[in-house]
N, C-alpha and C. Protein backbone atom coordinates (compact mmCIF):
# COMPACT_ATOMS: atom_id res chain seq x y z
N ARG A 1 -13.11 6.29 -1.84
CA ARG A 1 -12.26 5.45 -1.31
C ARG A 1 -11.39 6.20 -0.15
N PHE A 2 -11.00 5.80 0.91
CA PHE A 2 -10.37 6.30 2.10
C PHE A 2 -9.25 6.48 1.84
N SER A 3 -8.69 7.94 2.30
CA SER A 3 -7.74 8.46 1.85
C SER A 3 -6.73 8.51 3.23
N THR A 4 -5.70 8.75 3.10
CA THR A 4 -4.44 8.21 4.34
C THR A 4 -4.97 8.94 5.84
N SER A 5 -4.72 7.72 6.36
CA SER A 5 -5.12 7.97 7.84
C SER A 5 -3.78 7.62 9.11
N HIS A 6 -3.93 8.62 10.01
CA HIS A 6 -2.78 8.23 10.83
C HIS A 6 -3.32 6.91 11.78
N PRO A 7 -2.54 6.12 12.10
CA PRO A 7 -3.13 4.85 12.57
C PRO A 7 -4.11 4.70 13.76
N LYS A 8 -3.79 5.95 14.46
CA LYS A 8 -4.75 6.30 15.86
C LYS A 8 -6.13 6.46 15.59
N ASP A 9 -6.41 6.83 14.26
CA ASP A 9 -7.96 7.27 13.80
C ASP A 9 -8.34 6.06 13.42
N MET A 10 -7.75 4.68 12.77
CA MET A 10 -8.24 3.45 12.59
C MET A 10 -8.94 2.62 13.62
N THR A 11 -10.03 2.98 14.20
CA THR A 11 -10.56 2.60 15.34
C THR A 11 -11.42 1.44 14.25
N ASP A 12 -12.06 0.29 15.29
CA ASP A 12 -13.28 -0.52 15.01
C ASP A 12 -14.40 -0.08 14.41
N ASP A 13 -14.84 1.19 14.76
CA ASP A 13 -16.05 1.33 14.48
C ASP A 13 -15.67 2.06 13.10
N VAL A 14 -14.29 2.88 12.71
CA VAL A 14 -14.44 3.21 11.61
C VAL A 14 -14.54 2.12 10.24
N LEU A 15 -13.87 0.98 10.99
CA LEU A 15 -13.72 -0.35 9.88
C LEU A 15 -14.97 -1.03 9.74
N GLU A 16 -15.76 -0.91 10.96
CA GLU A 16 -17.19 -1.34 10.75
C GLU A 16 -17.86 -0.50 9.70
N ILE A 17 -17.81 0.62 9.78
CA ILE A 17 -18.47 1.14 8.71
C ILE A 17 -18.05 1.27 7.53
N MET A 18 -16.98 0.93 7.20
CA MET A 18 -16.10 0.68 5.68
C MET A 18 -16.87 -0.57 5.53
N ALA A 19 -16.76 -1.65 6.60
CA ALA A 19 -17.12 -2.95 5.94
C ALA A 19 -18.75 -2.77 5.82
N LYS A 20 -19.79 -2.17 6.19
CA LYS A 20 -20.97 -2.17 6.01
C LYS A 20 -21.63 -1.68 4.71
N TYR A 21 -20.64 -0.54 4.15
CA TYR A 21 -21.22 0.21 3.10
C TYR A 21 -20.62 -0.05 1.85
N GLU A 22 -21.41 -0.53 0.83
CA GLU A 22 -20.71 -0.83 -0.36
C GLU A 22 -20.15 -0.01 -1.34
N ASN A 23 -20.26 1.65 -0.87
CA ASN A 23 -19.53 2.42 -1.81
C ASN A 23 -18.44 3.01 -1.03
N ILE A 24 -17.94 2.23 -0.04
CA ILE A 24 -16.29 2.70 0.39
C ILE A 24 -15.49 1.59 -0.11
N CYS A 25 -14.63 1.51 -0.82
CA CYS A 25 -13.70 0.89 -0.92
C CYS A 25 -13.01 0.09 -0.14
N SER A 26 -12.70 -1.04 -0.16
CA SER A 26 -11.90 -2.09 0.42
C SER A 26 -10.43 -2.01 0.23
N TYR A 27 -10.22 -0.75 0.69
CA TYR A 27 -8.77 -0.06 0.48
C TYR A 27 -8.36 0.82 1.62
N ILE A 28 -7.07 0.54 2.30
CA ILE A 28 -6.85 1.64 3.29
C ILE A 28 -5.67 1.66 3.42
N HIS A 29 -4.96 3.13 3.40
CA HIS A 29 -3.85 3.61 3.27
C HIS A 29 -3.35 3.63 4.81
N LEU A 30 -2.27 2.76 5.16
CA LEU A 30 -2.10 3.11 6.66
C LEU A 30 -0.60 3.04 6.75
N PRO A 31 -0.26 4.89 6.83
CA PRO A 31 1.38 4.71 7.15
C PRO A 31 1.97 3.90 8.22
N VAL A 32 3.09 3.42 8.27
CA VAL A 32 3.68 2.88 9.06
C VAL A 32 4.98 3.34 9.57
N GLN A 33 5.77 3.67 8.46
CA GLN A 33 6.83 4.52 8.40
C GLN A 33 8.30 3.48 8.87
N SER A 34 8.14 2.82 10.10
CA SER A 34 9.25 2.08 10.62
C SER A 34 8.47 0.90 11.10
N GLY A 35 9.37 -0.19 11.26
CA GLY A 35 8.49 -1.13 11.89
C GLY A 35 9.46 -1.55 13.51
N ASN A 36 9.85 -0.58 13.65
CA ASN A 36 10.79 -0.78 15.11
C ASN A 36 10.14 0.21 16.03
N THR A 37 9.61 -0.24 17.08
CA THR A 37 9.33 0.69 18.02
C THR A 37 10.17 1.94 18.73
N ASP A 38 11.51 2.03 18.85
CA ASP A 38 12.27 2.87 19.15
C ASP A 38 12.44 4.02 18.05
N VAL A 39 12.44 3.82 16.95
CA VAL A 39 12.80 4.40 15.70
C VAL A 39 11.27 5.23 15.77
N LEU A 40 10.11 4.19 15.90
CA LEU A 40 8.64 5.15 15.85
C LEU A 40 8.53 6.31 16.63
N TYR A 41 9.16 6.10 18.22
CA TYR A 41 9.22 7.18 18.94
C TYR A 41 10.35 8.16 18.71
N ARG A 42 11.09 8.18 18.17
CA ARG A 42 12.32 9.08 17.88
C ARG A 42 11.54 9.65 16.50
N MET A 43 10.77 9.21 15.75
CA MET A 43 9.60 9.60 14.74
C MET A 43 9.01 10.43 15.47
N ASN A 44 8.78 10.35 16.62
CA ASN A 44 7.48 11.10 17.23
C ASN A 44 6.07 10.37 16.90
N ARG A 45 5.79 9.55 16.44
CA ARG A 45 4.62 8.80 15.66
C ARG A 45 3.51 8.54 16.65
N ALA A 46 4.05 8.09 18.17
CA ALA A 46 3.16 7.59 19.11
C ALA A 46 2.42 6.69 19.08
N TYR A 47 3.07 5.45 18.41
CA TYR A 47 2.40 4.17 18.59
C TYR A 47 3.54 3.44 18.22
N THR A 48 3.43 1.91 19.06
CA THR A 48 4.29 0.97 18.57
C THR A 48 4.25 0.02 17.62
N ARG A 49 5.23 -0.67 17.47
CA ARG A 49 5.21 -2.05 16.55
C ARG A 49 3.82 -2.62 16.68
N GLU A 50 3.92 -3.15 18.09
CA GLU A 50 2.62 -4.18 18.41
C GLU A 50 1.46 -3.51 18.07
N TRP A 51 1.14 -1.97 18.70
CA TRP A 51 -0.06 -1.58 18.40
C TRP A 51 -0.41 -1.52 16.83
N TYR A 52 0.67 -0.76 16.07
CA TYR A 52 0.14 -0.99 14.62
C TYR A 52 -0.45 -2.31 14.32
N LEU A 53 0.56 -3.59 14.49
CA LEU A 53 -0.10 -4.71 13.90
C LEU A 53 -1.12 -5.31 14.87
N GLU A 54 -1.68 -4.78 15.81
CA GLU A 54 -3.11 -5.14 16.01
C GLU A 54 -3.89 -4.56 15.23
N ARG A 55 -3.93 -3.10 14.89
CA ARG A 55 -4.74 -2.39 13.78
C ARG A 55 -4.91 -3.35 12.77
N ILE A 56 -3.59 -3.82 12.25
CA ILE A 56 -3.37 -4.30 11.03
C ILE A 56 -4.54 -5.92 10.99
N ASP A 57 -4.11 -6.32 12.33
CA ASP A 57 -5.25 -7.53 12.40
C ASP A 57 -6.83 -7.41 12.24
N ALA A 58 -6.97 -5.94 12.98
CA ALA A 58 -8.39 -5.51 13.18
C ALA A 58 -8.92 -5.72 11.66
N ILE A 59 -7.94 -4.88 10.53
CA ILE A 59 -8.49 -4.56 9.17
C ILE A 59 -8.84 -5.82 8.64
N LYS A 60 -7.94 -6.96 8.76
CA LYS A 60 -8.25 -8.04 8.07
C LYS A 60 -9.40 -8.76 8.70
N ARG A 61 -9.42 -8.80 10.23
CA ARG A 61 -10.81 -9.43 10.72
C ARG A 61 -12.61 -9.01 10.00
N ILE A 62 -12.16 -7.56 10.26
CA ILE A 62 -13.35 -6.63 9.95
C ILE A 62 -13.89 -6.49 8.81
N ILE A 63 -12.52 -6.44 7.52
CA ILE A 63 -12.79 -6.74 6.13
C ILE A 63 -12.05 -7.34 5.43
N PRO A 64 -12.35 -8.44 5.43
CA PRO A 64 -11.02 -9.62 5.11
C PRO A 64 -10.69 -9.49 3.70
N ASP A 65 -11.19 -8.71 2.90
CA ASP A 65 -10.76 -8.85 1.48
C ASP A 65 -9.97 -7.42 1.42
N CYS A 66 -9.63 -6.71 2.19
CA CYS A 66 -9.71 -5.01 2.04
C CYS A 66 -7.66 -5.14 1.73
N ALA A 67 -7.57 -4.59 0.72
CA ALA A 67 -6.26 -3.92 0.40
C ALA A 67 -5.41 -3.03 1.50
N ILE A 68 -4.16 -3.24 1.49
CA ILE A 68 -3.96 -2.34 2.61
C ILE A 68 -2.62 -1.73 1.84
N SER A 69 -2.08 -0.28 2.05
CA SER A 69 -0.99 0.02 1.45
C SER A 69 -0.29 0.94 2.96
N THR A 70 0.83 1.37 2.48
CA THR A 70 1.45 2.09 3.67
C THR A 70 2.71 2.95 3.01
N ASP A 71 3.76 3.73 3.92
CA ASP A 71 4.50 4.55 3.56
C ASP A 71 5.83 4.09 4.60
N ILE A 72 6.90 3.95 3.67
CA ILE A 72 7.98 3.40 4.54
C ILE A 72 9.09 4.22 4.66
N ILE A 73 9.93 4.84 5.60
CA ILE A 73 11.14 5.82 5.66
C ILE A 73 12.42 4.76 5.87
N THR A 74 13.07 4.61 5.55
CA THR A 74 14.54 3.87 5.87
C THR A 74 15.52 4.66 5.96
N GLY A 75 16.68 4.52 7.14
CA GLY A 75 17.51 5.01 7.49
C GLY A 75 17.41 6.39 8.18
N PHE A 76 16.07 6.82 9.17
CA PHE A 76 16.13 7.44 9.75
C PHE A 76 17.36 7.45 11.07
N CYS A 77 17.23 8.75 11.51
CA CYS A 77 18.17 8.90 12.50
C CYS A 77 18.71 8.30 13.20
N GLY A 78 19.93 7.37 13.77
CA GLY A 78 20.22 6.38 14.21
C GLY A 78 19.62 4.99 14.47
N GLU A 79 18.81 4.82 12.98
CA GLU A 79 18.70 3.62 12.77
C GLU A 79 19.63 2.35 12.72
N THR A 80 19.53 1.44 13.35
CA THR A 80 20.57 0.32 13.13
C THR A 80 20.06 -0.72 12.29
N GLU A 81 20.85 -1.61 12.01
CA GLU A 81 20.57 -2.65 11.42
C GLU A 81 19.64 -3.49 11.98
N ALA A 82 19.64 -3.66 12.81
CA ALA A 82 18.21 -4.51 13.71
C ALA A 82 17.37 -3.82 13.48
N GLU A 83 17.21 -2.63 13.60
CA GLU A 83 15.84 -1.95 13.63
C GLU A 83 15.35 -1.77 12.17
N HIS A 84 16.33 -1.67 11.30
CA HIS A 84 16.06 -2.10 9.73
C HIS A 84 15.62 -3.52 9.82
N GLU A 85 15.86 -4.27 10.33
CA GLU A 85 15.53 -5.78 9.97
C GLU A 85 14.14 -5.71 10.65
N ASP A 86 13.85 -4.99 11.61
CA ASP A 86 12.32 -4.77 12.26
C ASP A 86 11.35 -4.60 11.21
N THR A 87 11.69 -3.75 10.00
CA THR A 87 10.83 -2.94 9.48
C THR A 87 10.57 -4.22 8.50
N LEU A 88 11.80 -4.75 7.88
CA LEU A 88 11.59 -6.02 7.04
C LEU A 88 10.66 -7.17 7.64
N SER A 89 10.61 -7.44 8.78
CA SER A 89 9.80 -8.41 9.25
C SER A 89 8.08 -8.27 9.33
N LEU A 90 8.27 -6.87 9.67
CA LEU A 90 6.96 -6.29 9.63
C LEU A 90 6.12 -6.26 8.45
N MET A 91 7.02 -6.30 7.39
CA MET A 91 6.30 -6.13 5.91
C MET A 91 6.06 -7.43 5.75
N ASP A 92 6.94 -8.76 6.20
CA ASP A 92 6.35 -10.03 5.91
C ASP A 92 5.12 -10.26 6.78
N SER A 93 5.11 -9.55 8.10
CA SER A 93 3.87 -10.35 8.69
C SER A 93 2.72 -9.64 8.07
N VAL A 94 2.73 -8.36 7.35
CA VAL A 94 1.62 -7.43 6.99
C VAL A 94 1.01 -8.06 5.41
N GLN A 95 2.13 -8.03 4.51
CA GLN A 95 2.41 -8.36 3.31
C GLN A 95 1.14 -7.31 2.50
N TYR A 96 1.94 -6.24 2.39
CA TYR A 96 1.50 -4.69 2.03
C TYR A 96 1.16 -5.33 0.39
N ASP A 97 0.01 -4.90 0.02
CA ASP A 97 -0.28 -4.70 -1.59
C ASP A 97 0.08 -3.51 -2.03
N PHE A 98 0.79 -2.80 -1.71
CA PHE A 98 1.63 -1.62 -2.29
C PHE A 98 2.09 -0.82 -1.18
N ALA A 99 2.88 -0.12 -1.34
CA ALA A 99 4.10 0.87 -0.34
C ALA A 99 4.58 1.92 -1.07
N TYR A 100 4.34 3.05 -0.46
CA TYR A 100 5.51 4.34 -1.07
C TYR A 100 6.83 4.20 -0.10
N MET A 101 7.82 4.22 -0.62
CA MET A 101 9.04 3.52 0.02
C MET A 101 9.96 4.95 -0.30
N PHE A 102 10.70 5.40 0.92
CA PHE A 102 11.82 6.58 0.88
C PHE A 102 12.65 6.15 1.80
N LYS A 103 14.12 6.88 1.45
CA LYS A 103 14.82 6.85 2.41
C LYS A 103 15.05 8.24 2.92
N TYR A 104 15.35 8.43 4.16
CA TYR A 104 15.21 9.52 5.20
C TYR A 104 16.08 10.50 4.59
N SER A 105 15.74 11.99 4.48
CA SER A 105 16.20 12.87 3.94
C SER A 105 16.06 14.01 4.81
N GLU A 106 17.24 14.64 5.67
CA GLU A 106 16.68 15.15 6.75
C GLU A 106 16.34 16.99 6.14
N ARG A 107 15.24 17.56 6.67
CA ARG A 107 14.65 18.74 6.43
C ARG A 107 14.90 19.65 7.16
N PRO A 108 15.34 20.91 6.95
CA PRO A 108 15.31 22.35 8.03
C PRO A 108 14.18 22.66 8.89
N LYS A 109 14.57 22.76 10.08
CA LYS A 109 13.56 23.16 10.92
C LYS A 109 12.31 22.18 11.47
N THR A 110 12.89 20.86 11.45
CA THR A 110 11.90 20.29 11.73
C THR A 110 12.40 19.44 12.85
N LEU A 111 11.41 18.67 13.80
CA LEU A 111 11.91 18.07 14.86
C LEU A 111 12.85 17.11 14.96
N ALA A 112 12.83 16.23 13.75
CA ALA A 112 13.91 15.45 13.88
C ALA A 112 15.44 16.12 13.63
N GLU A 113 15.45 17.30 12.80
CA GLU A 113 16.50 17.92 12.34
C GLU A 113 17.14 18.55 13.61
N ARG A 114 16.47 19.16 14.52
CA ARG A 114 16.50 19.79 16.18
C ARG A 114 17.09 18.60 16.89
N ARG A 115 16.29 17.66 17.00
CA ARG A 115 16.96 16.57 18.20
C ARG A 115 18.11 15.58 17.72
N PHE A 116 17.97 15.19 16.22
CA PHE A 116 18.74 13.89 16.11
C PHE A 116 19.70 14.15 14.95
N ALA A 117 20.99 13.80 14.89
CA ALA A 117 21.77 13.57 13.73
C ALA A 117 21.86 12.84 12.85
N ASP A 118 21.70 13.29 11.70
CA ASP A 118 21.57 12.71 10.24
C ASP A 118 22.72 11.55 10.13
N ASP A 119 22.93 10.62 10.79
CA ASP A 119 23.83 9.60 11.00
C ASP A 119 24.01 8.38 10.27
N VAL A 120 23.16 7.95 9.23
CA VAL A 120 23.32 6.71 8.77
C VAL A 120 23.53 6.99 7.49
N PRO A 121 24.59 6.53 7.15
CA PRO A 121 25.20 6.98 5.55
C PRO A 121 24.61 6.45 4.26
N GLU A 122 24.44 7.34 3.71
CA GLU A 122 23.80 7.44 2.36
C GLU A 122 24.04 6.11 1.64
N ASP A 123 25.00 5.34 1.56
CA ASP A 123 25.19 4.02 1.17
C ASP A 123 24.09 3.04 1.43
N VAL A 124 24.45 3.24 2.82
CA VAL A 124 23.54 2.43 3.80
C VAL A 124 22.17 2.36 3.64
N LYS A 125 21.97 3.81 3.67
CA LYS A 125 20.28 4.14 3.16
C LYS A 125 19.90 3.46 2.18
N GLY A 126 20.93 3.65 1.02
CA GLY A 126 20.22 3.15 -0.27
C GLY A 126 20.10 1.41 -0.18
N ARG A 127 21.17 1.13 0.31
CA ARG A 127 21.10 -0.51 0.07
C ARG A 127 19.78 -1.13 1.10
N ARG A 128 19.42 -0.62 2.25
CA ARG A 128 18.23 -0.80 2.94
C ARG A 128 17.06 -0.40 2.13
N LEU A 129 16.86 0.59 1.46
CA LEU A 129 15.74 0.98 0.81
C LEU A 129 15.86 -0.01 -0.73
N ASN A 130 16.82 -0.28 -1.09
CA ASN A 130 16.85 -1.53 -2.19
C ASN A 130 16.17 -2.76 -1.56
N GLU A 131 16.42 -3.02 -0.17
CA GLU A 131 15.88 -4.21 0.48
C GLU A 131 14.56 -4.51 0.67
N ILE A 132 13.88 -3.07 1.38
CA ILE A 132 12.64 -2.79 1.26
C ILE A 132 11.62 -2.94 0.04
N ILE A 133 12.14 -2.22 -1.09
CA ILE A 133 11.85 -2.39 -2.45
C ILE A 133 11.69 -3.65 -2.67
N GLU A 134 12.79 -4.71 -3.00
CA GLU A 134 12.52 -5.78 -3.32
C GLU A 134 11.60 -6.75 -2.62
N LYS A 135 11.24 -6.59 -1.30
CA LYS A 135 10.50 -7.23 -0.66
C LYS A 135 8.89 -6.72 -0.86
N GLN A 136 8.84 -5.40 -1.22
CA GLN A 136 7.71 -5.11 -1.44
C GLN A 136 7.14 -5.61 -3.02
N LEU A 137 8.02 -5.58 -3.76
CA LEU A 137 7.62 -5.95 -5.37
C LEU A 137 7.29 -7.57 -5.04
N ALA A 138 7.96 -8.05 -4.44
CA ALA A 138 7.44 -9.68 -4.03
C ALA A 138 6.12 -9.72 -3.73
N SER A 139 6.06 -8.97 -2.41
CA SER A 139 4.30 -8.87 -1.90
C SER A 139 3.67 -8.51 -2.76
N ALA A 140 3.83 -7.34 -3.61
CA ALA A 140 2.63 -7.18 -4.33
C ALA A 140 2.54 -7.99 -5.67
N LEU A 141 3.32 -8.50 -6.03
CA LEU A 141 3.47 -9.65 -6.99
C LEU A 141 2.53 -10.56 -6.53
N ALA A 142 2.96 -11.34 -5.74
CA ALA A 142 1.92 -12.31 -4.88
C ALA A 142 0.34 -12.00 -4.60
N SER A 143 0.26 -10.86 -4.31
CA SER A 143 -1.20 -10.21 -4.00
C SER A 143 -1.95 -10.40 -5.28
N ASN A 144 -1.36 -9.88 -6.30
CA ASN A 144 -1.85 -9.61 -7.83
C ASN A 144 -2.07 -11.11 -8.20
N LYS A 145 -1.52 -11.81 -8.42
CA LYS A 145 -1.43 -13.06 -8.61
C LYS A 145 -2.55 -13.96 -7.97
N ARG A 146 -2.95 -13.88 -7.09
CA ARG A 146 -4.23 -14.12 -6.26
C ARG A 146 -5.41 -13.71 -6.93
N GLN A 147 -5.46 -12.70 -8.01
CA GLN A 147 -6.56 -12.07 -8.45
C GLN A 147 -6.44 -12.82 -9.73
N ILE A 148 -5.74 -13.34 -10.23
CA ILE A 148 -6.05 -14.13 -11.64
C ILE A 148 -7.10 -14.98 -11.41
N GLY A 149 -8.01 -15.15 -12.70
CA GLY A 149 -9.13 -15.99 -12.70
C GLY A 149 -10.41 -15.19 -11.82
N THR A 150 -10.16 -14.01 -11.23
CA THR A 150 -11.34 -13.59 -10.75
C THR A 150 -11.95 -12.59 -11.64
N ILE A 151 -13.15 -12.33 -11.51
CA ILE A 151 -14.17 -11.39 -12.27
C ILE A 151 -13.79 -9.81 -11.10
N GLN A 152 -13.55 -8.83 -11.94
CA GLN A 152 -13.33 -8.10 -10.74
C GLN A 152 -14.46 -6.37 -11.33
N LYS A 153 -14.85 -6.07 -10.49
CA LYS A 153 -15.60 -4.79 -10.98
C LYS A 153 -14.85 -3.89 -11.34
N VAL A 154 -14.92 -2.87 -11.89
CA VAL A 154 -13.74 -1.95 -12.56
C VAL A 154 -14.51 -0.53 -12.81
N LEU A 155 -13.72 0.35 -12.17
CA LEU A 155 -14.27 1.82 -12.56
C LEU A 155 -13.12 2.48 -13.77
N ILE A 156 -14.09 2.96 -14.97
CA ILE A 156 -13.05 3.09 -15.82
C ILE A 156 -12.49 4.74 -15.65
N GLU A 157 -11.05 4.59 -15.38
CA GLU A 157 -10.60 6.00 -15.31
C GLU A 157 -10.00 6.86 -16.94
N GLY A 158 -9.95 6.17 -17.86
CA GLY A 158 -9.52 6.42 -18.97
C GLY A 158 -8.43 5.86 -19.73
N LYS A 159 -7.89 6.44 -20.96
CA LYS A 159 -6.95 5.50 -21.87
C LYS A 159 -5.85 5.10 -20.91
N SER A 160 -5.41 3.97 -21.17
CA SER A 160 -4.21 3.28 -20.83
C SER A 160 -3.10 4.08 -21.52
N LYS A 161 -1.89 3.92 -20.62
CA LYS A 161 -0.70 4.39 -21.31
C LYS A 161 -0.17 3.57 -21.91
N ARG A 162 -0.82 2.24 -21.68
CA ARG A 162 -0.16 1.09 -22.93
C ARG A 162 -0.56 0.97 -24.11
N SER A 163 -1.42 1.31 -24.45
CA SER A 163 -1.48 1.61 -25.97
C SER A 163 -3.07 2.63 -25.88
N ASP A 164 -3.44 2.98 -27.14
CA ASP A 164 -4.54 3.73 -27.51
C ASP A 164 -5.99 2.67 -27.64
N GLU A 165 -5.44 1.19 -27.70
CA GLU A 165 -6.57 0.40 -27.87
C GLU A 165 -7.16 -0.27 -26.26
N HIS A 166 -6.42 0.33 -25.31
CA HIS A 166 -6.91 -0.20 -24.01
C HIS A 166 -7.22 0.81 -22.95
N LEU A 167 -7.94 0.98 -22.15
CA LEU A 167 -8.62 1.37 -21.28
C LEU A 167 -7.74 1.06 -19.67
N CYS A 168 -7.91 1.74 -18.99
CA CYS A 168 -7.38 1.52 -17.28
C CYS A 168 -8.51 1.97 -16.31
N GLY A 169 -8.56 1.25 -15.25
CA GLY A 169 -9.59 1.42 -14.11
C GLY A 169 -8.83 1.31 -12.99
N ARG A 170 -9.62 1.04 -11.99
CA ARG A 170 -9.57 0.49 -10.68
C ARG A 170 -10.53 -0.24 -10.14
N THR A 171 -9.79 -1.28 -9.38
CA THR A 171 -11.15 -2.21 -8.34
C THR A 171 -11.41 -1.64 -7.33
N GLY A 172 -12.40 -2.00 -6.85
CA GLY A 172 -12.61 -1.54 -5.20
C GLY A 172 -11.19 -1.95 -3.85
N ARG A 173 -10.17 -2.51 -4.46
CA ARG A 173 -9.02 -2.59 -3.61
C ARG A 173 -8.10 -1.61 -4.30
N ASN A 174 -8.51 -0.75 -5.26
CA ASN A 174 -7.35 0.06 -5.62
C ASN A 174 -6.42 -0.38 -6.63
N SER A 175 -6.94 -1.81 -7.22
CA SER A 175 -5.84 -2.52 -8.03
C SER A 175 -5.91 -1.77 -9.45
N MET A 176 -4.95 -1.37 -10.33
CA MET A 176 -5.14 -0.81 -11.64
C MET A 176 -5.16 -2.05 -12.26
N VAL A 177 -6.12 -1.81 -13.15
CA VAL A 177 -6.43 -2.93 -14.32
C VAL A 177 -6.56 -2.23 -15.75
N ILE A 178 -5.82 -3.13 -16.60
CA ILE A 178 -5.77 -2.87 -17.92
C ILE A 178 -6.58 -3.66 -18.83
N PHE A 179 -7.55 -3.45 -19.76
CA PHE A 179 -7.89 -4.54 -20.88
C PHE A 179 -8.41 -3.51 -21.83
N PRO A 180 -9.04 -4.38 -23.52
CA PRO A 180 -9.50 -3.86 -24.65
C PRO A 180 -10.25 -2.97 -23.95
N LYS A 181 -10.76 -1.66 -24.81
CA LYS A 181 -11.52 -0.53 -24.85
C LYS A 181 -13.05 -1.16 -24.85
N LEU A 182 -13.23 -1.55 -26.21
CA LEU A 182 -14.27 -1.85 -26.76
C LEU A 182 -15.42 -0.93 -26.55
N ASP A 183 -16.28 -0.86 -26.45
CA ASP A 183 -17.39 0.15 -26.80
C ASP A 183 -17.59 0.97 -25.18
N CYS A 184 -16.55 1.35 -24.29
CA CYS A 184 -16.84 1.70 -23.17
C CYS A 184 -16.16 3.13 -22.89
N GLU A 185 -16.63 4.04 -22.26
CA GLU A 185 -16.01 5.03 -21.84
C GLU A 185 -15.60 5.13 -20.17
N LYS A 186 -14.90 6.40 -20.07
CA LYS A 186 -14.40 6.74 -18.48
C LYS A 186 -15.52 7.25 -17.86
N GLY A 187 -15.77 6.62 -16.51
CA GLY A 187 -16.63 6.94 -15.78
C GLY A 187 -17.72 5.51 -15.50
N GLN A 188 -17.78 4.60 -16.34
CA GLN A 188 -18.53 3.32 -16.66
C GLN A 188 -17.87 2.11 -15.60
N TYR A 189 -18.65 1.36 -15.39
CA TYR A 189 -18.45 0.51 -14.38
C TYR A 189 -18.26 -1.03 -15.37
N VAL A 190 -17.39 -1.89 -15.52
CA VAL A 190 -17.34 -2.88 -16.26
C VAL A 190 -17.14 -4.22 -15.47
N MET A 191 -17.31 -5.28 -15.96
CA MET A 191 -16.91 -6.63 -15.06
C MET A 191 -15.57 -7.03 -15.59
N VAL A 192 -14.64 -7.15 -15.56
CA VAL A 192 -13.36 -7.73 -16.09
C VAL A 192 -12.74 -9.00 -15.67
N ARG A 193 -12.49 -9.81 -16.29
CA ARG A 193 -11.86 -10.77 -15.79
C ARG A 193 -10.36 -10.96 -15.87
N ILE A 194 -9.78 -11.34 -14.79
CA ILE A 194 -8.15 -11.23 -14.61
C ILE A 194 -7.55 -12.20 -15.23
N ASP A 195 -6.44 -11.93 -16.14
CA ASP A 195 -5.83 -12.90 -16.86
C ASP A 195 -4.21 -13.14 -16.90
N GLU A 196 -3.85 -12.02 -16.65
CA GLU A 196 -2.63 -11.75 -15.99
C GLU A 196 -2.56 -10.73 -15.15
N CYS A 197 -0.88 -10.57 -14.66
CA CYS A 197 -0.71 -9.39 -13.83
C CYS A 197 0.86 -8.95 -13.93
N THR A 198 1.71 -7.78 -13.29
CA THR A 198 2.71 -7.82 -13.21
C THR A 198 2.59 -7.32 -11.57
N SER A 199 3.58 -6.64 -10.98
CA SER A 199 3.54 -6.41 -9.52
C SER A 199 2.70 -5.18 -9.31
N ALA A 200 2.25 -4.49 -10.14
CA ALA A 200 2.21 -3.31 -10.46
C ALA A 200 0.62 -3.32 -10.85
N THR A 201 0.01 -4.15 -11.71
CA THR A 201 -0.91 -4.10 -12.71
C THR A 201 -1.64 -5.33 -13.17
N LEU A 202 -2.85 -5.25 -12.95
CA LEU A 202 -3.46 -6.41 -13.41
C LEU A 202 -4.03 -6.28 -15.14
N MET A 203 -4.17 -7.32 -15.80
CA MET A 203 -4.41 -6.95 -17.45
C MET A 203 -5.72 -8.43 -17.58
N GLY A 204 -6.88 -7.71 -18.32
CA GLY A 204 -7.71 -8.85 -18.59
C GLY A 204 -8.83 -8.37 -19.58
N GLU A 205 -9.61 -8.91 -19.32
CA GLU A 205 -10.94 -8.61 -20.79
C GLU A 205 -12.52 -8.39 -19.89
N ILE A 206 -12.88 -7.38 -20.73
CA ILE A 206 -14.45 -7.27 -20.47
C ILE A 206 -15.21 -8.13 -20.59
N VAL A 207 -15.91 -8.73 -19.34
CA VAL A 207 -16.88 -10.22 -19.77
C VAL A 207 -18.22 -9.39 -19.85
N SER A 208 -18.64 -8.21 -18.94
CA SER A 208 -19.72 -7.50 -19.12
C SER A 208 -19.70 -6.20 -18.79
N LYS A 209 -20.85 -5.36 -18.89
CA LYS A 209 -21.07 -3.93 -18.27
C LYS A 209 -21.77 -4.09 -17.38
N CYS A 210 -21.80 -2.78 -16.06
CA CYS A 210 -22.60 -2.85 -15.43
C CYS A 210 -23.79 -2.10 -15.22
């Protein structure tokens, strides 16, 4: 499974290697932080909104079924309402499968702390974060609903928190799947028919072992 990468490292060559080998998961975590170029500049991210979206297009072109997750920070120093809306519109464009979402919190001795005032009110940060979370939950649910009725290869990770009678595991797209345990163990691959979902989890039944 490919770990976090700075978007600048996600070249076409890397994507083509990922597409070529079956033992590399079709999942990429590509942090964006903000959907506005001016905010990205203040964050010292060294890329623009347009450049980031071009990398997203490359991922979808070269690895069509690739799941994409991200990191988003709202309420960064000086962020305006229009800049926040740019983050929401970028989320609409990408349709992330999963996201880690936070409101900005000033940290001592960082570049941001030295250069900028933490001037976005906490209530505004909270409201913007809720809008981001709401949009992401809808995107994740839509993504998981598209998996219903499919058969997924799942690597068993262990017992589910749901009950002692269920196991959990992950697909090659890093989706969490819960299913009745039957005669299976951690570390095995099984084929699971997806019958239901939430925004965070797929649920189904084992149809065969690999």
